[in-house]
Amino acid sequence: MLKTICYTSKYTEDISTFNLEMLFHKTRLNNNNFNIKGVLVAKNNRFFQILEGPETILDALYFSIKKDTRHHEINEVLNTYISEYSFENFGTGYNTIQRIESLFGLQSYLSSPAINNINNASLFLSTTENFFK
């Protein structure tokens, strides 16, 4: 069964740009290897992440995310079952975004007719927009 989890958090200020890039790279590789789809966004010491994937893998991943000391104040926005992936066709299936220009691609994707009928697309879009205000 597929599931989606969406959360925001604050990351510690002592994460260097290099370490943040390494985190993004490792996240993308690991998630692609485990058929996890979604997006990780970083801005102003905050993360916004949407994860989609098989329930057991996703629950274990989210448990480890919540224990990760590199961030705190984790706010769970969504944790529910889904019938299909929303992010399967977004880039490589799992993307990391650090520049505002890349956000426009995410917003365009979430607003597209192909994804607009997916249950959580409007929630993802509004959460993304609020995150970048």
N, C-alpha and C. Protein backbone atom coordinates (compact mmCIF):
# COMPACT_ATOMS: atom_id res chain seq x y z
N MET A 1 0.85 -1.18 0.00
CA MET A 1 0.00 0.00 0.00
C MET A 1 0.89 1.24 0.00
N LEU A 2 0.51 2.24 -0.79
CA LEU A 2 1.26 3.49 -0.87
C LEU A 2 0.79 4.48 0.17
N LYS A 3 1.72 5.34 0.54
CA LYS A 3 1.46 6.33 1.57
C LYS A 3 2.19 7.62 1.21
N THR A 4 1.69 8.74 1.74
CA THR A 4 2.40 10.00 1.60
C THR A 4 2.54 10.65 2.97
N ILE A 5 3.69 11.26 3.19
CA ILE A 5 3.96 12.01 4.41
C ILE A 5 4.54 13.35 3.98
N CYS A 6 4.01 14.41 4.56
CA CYS A 6 4.48 15.76 4.26
C CYS A 6 4.75 16.44 5.59
N TYR A 7 5.90 17.11 5.70
CA TYR A 7 6.22 17.80 6.95
C TYR A 7 7.09 19.01 6.67
N THR A 8 7.13 19.90 7.66
CA THR A 8 8.08 21.01 7.66
C THR A 8 8.91 20.89 8.93
N SER A 9 10.10 21.47 8.90
CA SER A 9 10.95 21.48 10.09
C SER A 9 11.95 22.61 9.97
N LYS A 10 12.65 22.88 11.06
CA LYS A 10 13.76 23.84 11.06
C LYS A 10 15.04 23.05 11.18
N TYR A 11 16.02 23.41 10.35
CA TYR A 11 17.29 22.71 10.48
C TYR A 11 18.29 23.57 11.23
N THR A 12 19.24 22.89 11.86
CA THR A 12 20.21 23.60 12.70
C THR A 12 21.04 24.54 11.85
N GLU A 13 21.33 25.68 12.40
CA GLU A 13 22.05 26.71 11.66
C GLU A 13 23.49 26.33 11.35
N ASP A 14 24.00 25.32 12.01
CA ASP A 14 25.40 24.97 11.77
C ASP A 14 25.58 23.98 10.61
N ILE A 15 24.53 23.73 9.83
CA ILE A 15 24.69 22.92 8.63
C ILE A 15 25.30 23.82 7.55
N SER A 16 26.47 23.47 7.10
CA SER A 16 27.13 24.27 6.07
C SER A 16 26.45 24.02 4.72
N THR A 17 26.70 24.91 3.78
CA THR A 17 26.16 24.75 2.44
C THR A 17 26.63 23.43 1.83
N PHE A 18 27.89 23.10 2.05
CA PHE A 18 28.42 21.83 1.54
C PHE A 18 27.68 20.65 2.14
N ASN A 19 27.48 20.65 3.47
CA ASN A 19 26.78 19.55 4.12
C ASN A 19 25.32 19.46 3.69
N LEU A 20 24.71 20.61 3.44
CA LEU A 20 23.34 20.62 2.95
C LEU A 20 23.27 20.00 1.55
N GLU A 21 24.22 20.34 0.70
CA GLU A 21 24.28 19.75 -0.64
C GLU A 21 24.52 18.24 -0.56
N MET A 22 25.38 17.81 0.35
CA MET A 22 25.63 16.38 0.53
C MET A 22 24.36 15.68 1.04
N LEU A 23 23.64 16.32 1.94
CA LEU A 23 22.38 15.76 2.43
C LEU A 23 21.39 15.61 1.28
N PHE A 24 21.27 16.63 0.44
CA PHE A 24 20.37 16.56 -0.71
C PHE A 24 20.77 15.41 -1.64
N HIS A 25 22.06 15.29 -1.92
CA HIS A 25 22.55 14.24 -2.81
C HIS A 25 22.24 12.86 -2.23
N LYS A 26 22.56 12.66 -0.97
CA LYS A 26 22.32 11.36 -0.32
C LYS A 26 20.83 11.05 -0.26
N THR A 27 20.02 12.05 0.06
CA THR A 27 18.57 11.87 0.13
C THR A 27 18.03 11.42 -1.22
N ARG A 28 18.45 12.10 -2.28
CA ARG A 28 17.98 11.76 -3.62
C ARG A 28 18.36 10.33 -3.99
N LEU A 29 19.61 9.95 -3.74
CA LEU A 29 20.06 8.60 -4.07
C LEU A 29 19.31 7.54 -3.28
N ASN A 30 19.22 7.73 -1.96
CA ASN A 30 18.54 6.74 -1.11
C ASN A 30 17.07 6.61 -1.48
N ASN A 31 16.40 7.74 -1.66
CA ASN A 31 14.98 7.68 -1.96
C ASN A 31 14.72 7.05 -3.33
N ASN A 32 15.53 7.37 -4.31
CA ASN A 32 15.37 6.74 -5.62
C ASN A 32 15.60 5.24 -5.54
N ASN A 33 16.56 4.80 -4.73
CA ASN A 33 16.83 3.37 -4.58
C ASN A 33 15.68 2.62 -3.93
N PHE A 34 14.90 3.29 -3.08
CA PHE A 34 13.80 2.63 -2.37
C PHE A 34 12.43 2.98 -2.96
N ASN A 35 12.42 3.54 -4.18
CA ASN A 35 11.18 3.90 -4.86
C ASN A 35 10.36 4.92 -4.07
N ILE A 36 11.05 5.81 -3.39
CA ILE A 36 10.41 6.92 -2.69
C ILE A 36 10.37 8.10 -3.66
N LYS A 37 9.20 8.68 -3.82
CA LYS A 37 9.01 9.84 -4.69
C LYS A 37 8.76 11.05 -3.81
N GLY A 38 8.90 12.24 -4.40
CA GLY A 38 8.59 13.45 -3.66
C GLY A 38 9.57 14.56 -3.91
N VAL A 39 9.67 15.44 -2.93
CA VAL A 39 10.51 16.62 -3.07
C VAL A 39 10.98 17.07 -1.69
N LEU A 40 12.19 17.59 -1.64
CA LEU A 40 12.75 18.18 -0.43
C LEU A 40 13.14 19.61 -0.78
N VAL A 41 12.60 20.56 -0.01
CA VAL A 41 12.85 21.98 -0.25
C VAL A 41 13.53 22.55 0.99
N ALA A 42 14.54 23.41 0.79
CA ALA A 42 15.21 24.08 1.90
C ALA A 42 15.22 25.58 1.64
N LYS A 43 14.86 26.33 2.68
CA LYS A 43 14.89 27.79 2.59
C LYS A 43 14.90 28.37 3.99
N ASN A 44 15.78 29.33 4.23
CA ASN A 44 15.83 30.05 5.51
C ASN A 44 15.83 29.12 6.71
N ASN A 45 16.72 28.16 6.71
CA ASN A 45 16.86 27.19 7.80
C ASN A 45 15.60 26.36 8.03
N ARG A 46 14.81 26.17 6.98
CA ARG A 46 13.62 25.34 7.09
C ARG A 46 13.60 24.31 5.97
N PHE A 47 13.07 23.15 6.29
CA PHE A 47 12.83 22.11 5.31
C PHE A 47 11.32 21.96 5.10
N PHE A 48 10.97 21.63 3.89
CA PHE A 48 9.62 21.20 3.55
C PHE A 48 9.81 19.94 2.71
N GLN A 49 9.22 18.84 3.13
CA GLN A 49 9.43 17.60 2.41
C GLN A 49 8.10 16.88 2.19
N ILE A 50 7.95 16.38 0.97
CA ILE A 50 6.84 15.49 0.62
C ILE A 50 7.46 14.16 0.26
N LEU A 51 7.01 13.11 0.90
CA LEU A 51 7.49 11.76 0.65
C LEU A 51 6.32 10.89 0.21
N GLU A 52 6.55 10.04 -0.76
CA GLU A 52 5.55 9.07 -1.20
C GLU A 52 6.25 7.74 -1.41
N GLY A 53 5.60 6.67 -0.99
CA GLY A 53 6.20 5.37 -1.22
C GLY A 53 5.48 4.26 -0.49
N PRO A 54 6.05 3.06 -0.57
CA PRO A 54 5.48 1.91 0.13
C PRO A 54 5.41 2.18 1.64
N GLU A 55 4.31 1.81 2.25
CA GLU A 55 4.03 2.14 3.65
C GLU A 55 5.16 1.76 4.60
N THR A 56 5.63 0.53 4.56
CA THR A 56 6.63 0.10 5.54
C THR A 56 7.94 0.86 5.38
N ILE A 57 8.34 1.09 4.15
CA ILE A 57 9.59 1.84 3.90
C ILE A 57 9.42 3.29 4.32
N LEU A 58 8.29 3.88 3.98
CA LEU A 58 8.06 5.28 4.31
C LEU A 58 7.96 5.51 5.82
N ASP A 59 7.27 4.61 6.52
CA ASP A 59 7.16 4.75 7.97
C ASP A 59 8.52 4.65 8.65
N ALA A 60 9.35 3.72 8.19
CA ALA A 60 10.69 3.59 8.76
C ALA A 60 11.54 4.82 8.45
N LEU A 61 11.43 5.33 7.24
CA LEU A 61 12.17 6.53 6.86
C LEU A 61 11.74 7.73 7.70
N TYR A 62 10.45 7.91 7.86
CA TYR A 62 9.95 9.04 8.64
C TYR A 62 10.36 8.93 10.11
N PHE A 63 10.37 7.73 10.64
CA PHE A 63 10.82 7.52 12.01
C PHE A 63 12.27 7.99 12.16
N SER A 64 13.12 7.64 11.18
CA SER A 64 14.53 8.07 11.26
C SER A 64 14.66 9.57 11.05
N ILE A 65 13.81 10.15 10.21
CA ILE A 65 13.82 11.60 10.00
C ILE A 65 13.51 12.32 11.31
N LYS A 66 12.51 11.83 12.03
CA LYS A 66 12.12 12.48 13.29
C LYS A 66 13.21 12.38 14.35
N LYS A 67 14.09 11.40 14.26
CA LYS A 67 15.18 11.25 15.22
C LYS A 67 16.44 12.01 14.80
N ASP A 68 16.49 12.50 13.59
CA ASP A 68 17.66 13.17 13.04
C ASP A 68 17.88 14.51 13.76
N THR A 69 19.04 14.68 14.37
CA THR A 69 19.34 15.89 15.16
C THR A 69 19.69 17.10 14.30
N ARG A 70 19.76 16.93 13.00
CA ARG A 70 20.07 18.07 12.14
C ARG A 70 18.88 19.01 11.96
N HIS A 71 17.71 18.58 12.44
CA HIS A 71 16.55 19.46 12.38
C HIS A 71 15.63 19.21 13.58
N HIS A 72 14.72 20.16 13.80
CA HIS A 72 13.81 20.11 14.95
C HIS A 72 12.50 20.80 14.56
N GLU A 73 11.60 20.91 15.52
CA GLU A 73 10.29 21.52 15.28
C GLU A 73 9.62 20.91 14.06
N ILE A 74 9.56 19.60 14.03
CA ILE A 74 8.94 18.89 12.91
C ILE A 74 7.42 19.03 13.03
N ASN A 75 6.83 19.56 11.98
CA ASN A 75 5.39 19.77 11.92
C ASN A 75 4.83 18.87 10.82
N GLU A 76 4.12 17.83 11.19
CA GLU A 76 3.54 16.91 10.23
C GLU A 76 2.30 17.55 9.61
N VAL A 77 2.33 17.71 8.30
CA VAL A 77 1.23 18.32 7.57
C VAL A 77 0.26 17.26 7.07
N LEU A 78 0.79 16.11 6.68
CA LEU A 78 -0.02 15.06 6.09
C LEU A 78 0.64 13.71 6.32
N ASN A 79 -0.15 12.72 6.64
CA ASN A 79 0.34 11.34 6.80
C ASN A 79 -0.85 10.44 6.48
N THR A 80 -0.94 10.00 5.22
CA THR A 80 -2.13 9.28 4.79
C THR A 80 -1.80 8.31 3.65
N TYR A 81 -2.74 7.43 3.38
CA TYR A 81 -2.60 6.48 2.28
C TYR A 81 -2.99 7.16 0.97
N ILE A 82 -2.36 6.72 -0.11
CA ILE A 82 -2.65 7.26 -1.43
C ILE A 82 -2.85 6.09 -2.39
N SER A 83 -3.56 6.35 -3.47
CA SER A 83 -3.80 5.29 -4.45
C SER A 83 -2.76 5.29 -5.56
N GLU A 84 -2.07 6.45 -5.75
CA GLU A 84 -1.05 6.54 -6.78
C GLU A 84 -0.04 7.62 -6.41
N TYR A 85 1.13 7.54 -7.04
CA TYR A 85 2.16 8.56 -6.81
C TYR A 85 1.74 9.89 -7.45
N SER A 86 2.03 10.98 -6.77
CA SER A 86 1.86 12.31 -7.33
C SER A 86 3.14 12.79 -8.01
N PHE A 87 4.29 12.30 -7.55
CA PHE A 87 5.58 12.83 -7.99
C PHE A 87 6.36 11.87 -8.89
N GLU A 88 5.70 10.86 -9.40
CA GLU A 88 6.40 9.88 -10.24
C GLU A 88 7.03 10.52 -11.48
N ASN A 89 6.38 11.54 -12.02
CA ASN A 89 6.87 12.17 -13.24
C ASN A 89 7.51 13.53 -12.99
N PHE A 90 7.81 13.84 -11.75
CA PHE A 90 8.45 15.11 -11.43
C PHE A 90 9.96 14.91 -11.39
N GLY A 91 10.65 15.36 -12.41
CA GLY A 91 12.10 15.19 -12.48
C GLY A 91 12.46 13.72 -12.46
N THR A 92 13.32 13.34 -11.54
CA THR A 92 13.75 11.95 -11.44
C THR A 92 12.85 11.14 -10.53
N GLY A 93 11.76 11.71 -10.09
CA GLY A 93 10.87 11.03 -9.16
C GLY A 93 11.07 11.54 -7.75
N TYR A 94 12.30 11.95 -7.44
CA TYR A 94 12.57 12.58 -6.15
C TYR A 94 13.52 13.73 -6.41
N ASN A 95 13.15 14.93 -5.99
CA ASN A 95 13.93 16.13 -6.27
C ASN A 95 14.25 16.89 -5.01
N THR A 96 15.31 17.65 -5.08
CA THR A 96 15.67 18.57 -4.00
C THR A 96 15.71 19.98 -4.57
N ILE A 97 15.16 20.92 -3.83
CA ILE A 97 15.07 22.30 -4.31
C ILE A 97 15.67 23.22 -3.27
N GLN A 98 16.60 24.05 -3.73
CA GLN A 98 17.21 25.02 -2.83
C GLN A 98 17.10 26.44 -3.39
N ARG A 99 16.83 26.57 -4.68
CA ARG A 99 16.75 27.90 -5.28
C ARG A 99 15.29 28.23 -5.59
N ILE A 100 14.93 29.48 -5.40
CA ILE A 100 13.56 29.93 -5.61
C ILE A 100 13.11 29.68 -7.04
N GLU A 101 14.04 29.76 -8.00
CA GLU A 101 13.68 29.54 -9.40
C GLU A 101 13.13 28.12 -9.61
N SER A 102 13.69 27.17 -8.87
CA SER A 102 13.25 25.78 -8.99
C SER A 102 11.85 25.59 -8.42
N LEU A 103 11.47 26.45 -7.50
CA LEU A 103 10.13 26.36 -6.91
C LEU A 103 9.06 26.57 -7.96
N PHE A 104 9.32 27.43 -8.94
CA PHE A 104 8.33 27.68 -9.98
C PHE A 104 8.03 26.40 -10.76
N GLY A 105 9.03 25.58 -10.98
CA GLY A 105 8.81 24.29 -11.65
C GLY A 105 7.92 23.39 -10.82
N LEU A 106 8.14 23.38 -9.50
CA LEU A 106 7.32 22.57 -8.59
C LEU A 106 5.88 23.09 -8.59
N GLN A 107 5.71 24.41 -8.48
CA GLN A 107 4.37 24.97 -8.48
C GLN A 107 3.65 24.71 -9.81
N SER A 108 4.37 24.82 -10.90
CA SER A 108 3.79 24.54 -12.21
C SER A 108 3.36 23.08 -12.30
N TYR A 109 4.21 22.19 -11.80
CA TYR A 109 3.89 20.76 -11.81
C TYR A 109 2.63 20.48 -10.99
N LEU A 110 2.56 21.05 -9.78
CA LEU A 110 1.41 20.82 -8.91
C LEU A 110 0.12 21.44 -9.45
N SER A 111 0.25 22.46 -10.32
CA SER A 111 -0.92 23.11 -10.90
C SER A 111 -1.34 22.49 -12.23
N SER A 112 -0.53 21.59 -12.77
CA SER A 112 -0.81 21.03 -14.09
C SER A 112 -2.05 20.13 -14.06
N PRO A 113 -2.76 20.06 -15.17
CA PRO A 113 -3.95 19.20 -15.24
C PRO A 113 -3.64 17.74 -14.95
N ALA A 114 -2.45 17.28 -15.29
CA ALA A 114 -2.10 15.87 -15.08
C ALA A 114 -2.07 15.50 -13.60
N ILE A 115 -1.68 16.45 -12.75
CA ILE A 115 -1.59 16.14 -11.32
C ILE A 115 -2.71 16.80 -10.52
N ASN A 116 -3.38 17.75 -11.10
CA ASN A 116 -4.39 18.51 -10.37
C ASN A 116 -5.51 17.64 -9.81
N ASN A 117 -5.76 16.48 -10.42
CA ASN A 117 -6.83 15.62 -9.94
C ASN A 117 -6.37 14.65 -8.85
N ILE A 118 -5.09 14.65 -8.53
CA ILE A 118 -4.57 13.79 -7.47
C ILE A 118 -5.03 14.37 -6.13
N ASN A 119 -5.43 13.51 -5.22
CA ASN A 119 -6.05 13.93 -3.96
C ASN A 119 -5.33 15.04 -3.22
N ASN A 120 -4.03 14.95 -3.09
CA ASN A 120 -3.30 15.88 -2.22
C ASN A 120 -2.62 17.03 -2.96
N ALA A 121 -2.83 17.15 -4.26
CA ALA A 121 -2.13 18.16 -5.05
C ALA A 121 -2.41 19.57 -4.53
N SER A 122 -3.67 19.89 -4.22
CA SER A 122 -3.97 21.25 -3.75
C SER A 122 -3.35 21.51 -2.38
N LEU A 123 -3.31 20.49 -1.52
CA LEU A 123 -2.67 20.64 -0.21
C LEU A 123 -1.17 20.87 -0.37
N PHE A 124 -0.53 20.09 -1.25
CA PHE A 124 0.90 20.26 -1.51
C PHE A 124 1.18 21.67 -2.04
N LEU A 125 0.34 22.12 -2.96
CA LEU A 125 0.55 23.44 -3.56
C LEU A 125 0.39 24.55 -2.52
N SER A 126 -0.67 24.51 -1.71
CA SER A 126 -0.86 25.56 -0.72
C SER A 126 0.21 25.52 0.36
N THR A 127 0.64 24.32 0.77
CA THR A 127 1.71 24.22 1.77
C THR A 127 3.02 24.77 1.21
N THR A 128 3.30 24.46 -0.05
CA THR A 128 4.52 24.97 -0.69
C THR A 128 4.48 26.49 -0.76
N GLU A 129 3.36 27.04 -1.16
CA GLU A 129 3.24 28.49 -1.25
C GLU A 129 3.41 29.16 0.10
N ASN A 130 2.79 28.58 1.13
CA ASN A 130 2.94 29.13 2.50
C ASN A 130 4.38 29.03 3.00
N PHE A 131 5.05 27.97 2.64
CA PHE A 131 6.42 27.75 3.07
C PHE A 131 7.34 28.85 2.54
N PHE A 132 7.06 29.34 1.35
CA PHE A 132 7.94 30.33 0.74
C PHE A 132 7.49 31.77 0.94
N LYS A 133 6.52 32.00 1.78
CA LYS A 133 6.10 33.38 2.07
C LYS A 133 7.06 34.04 3.02
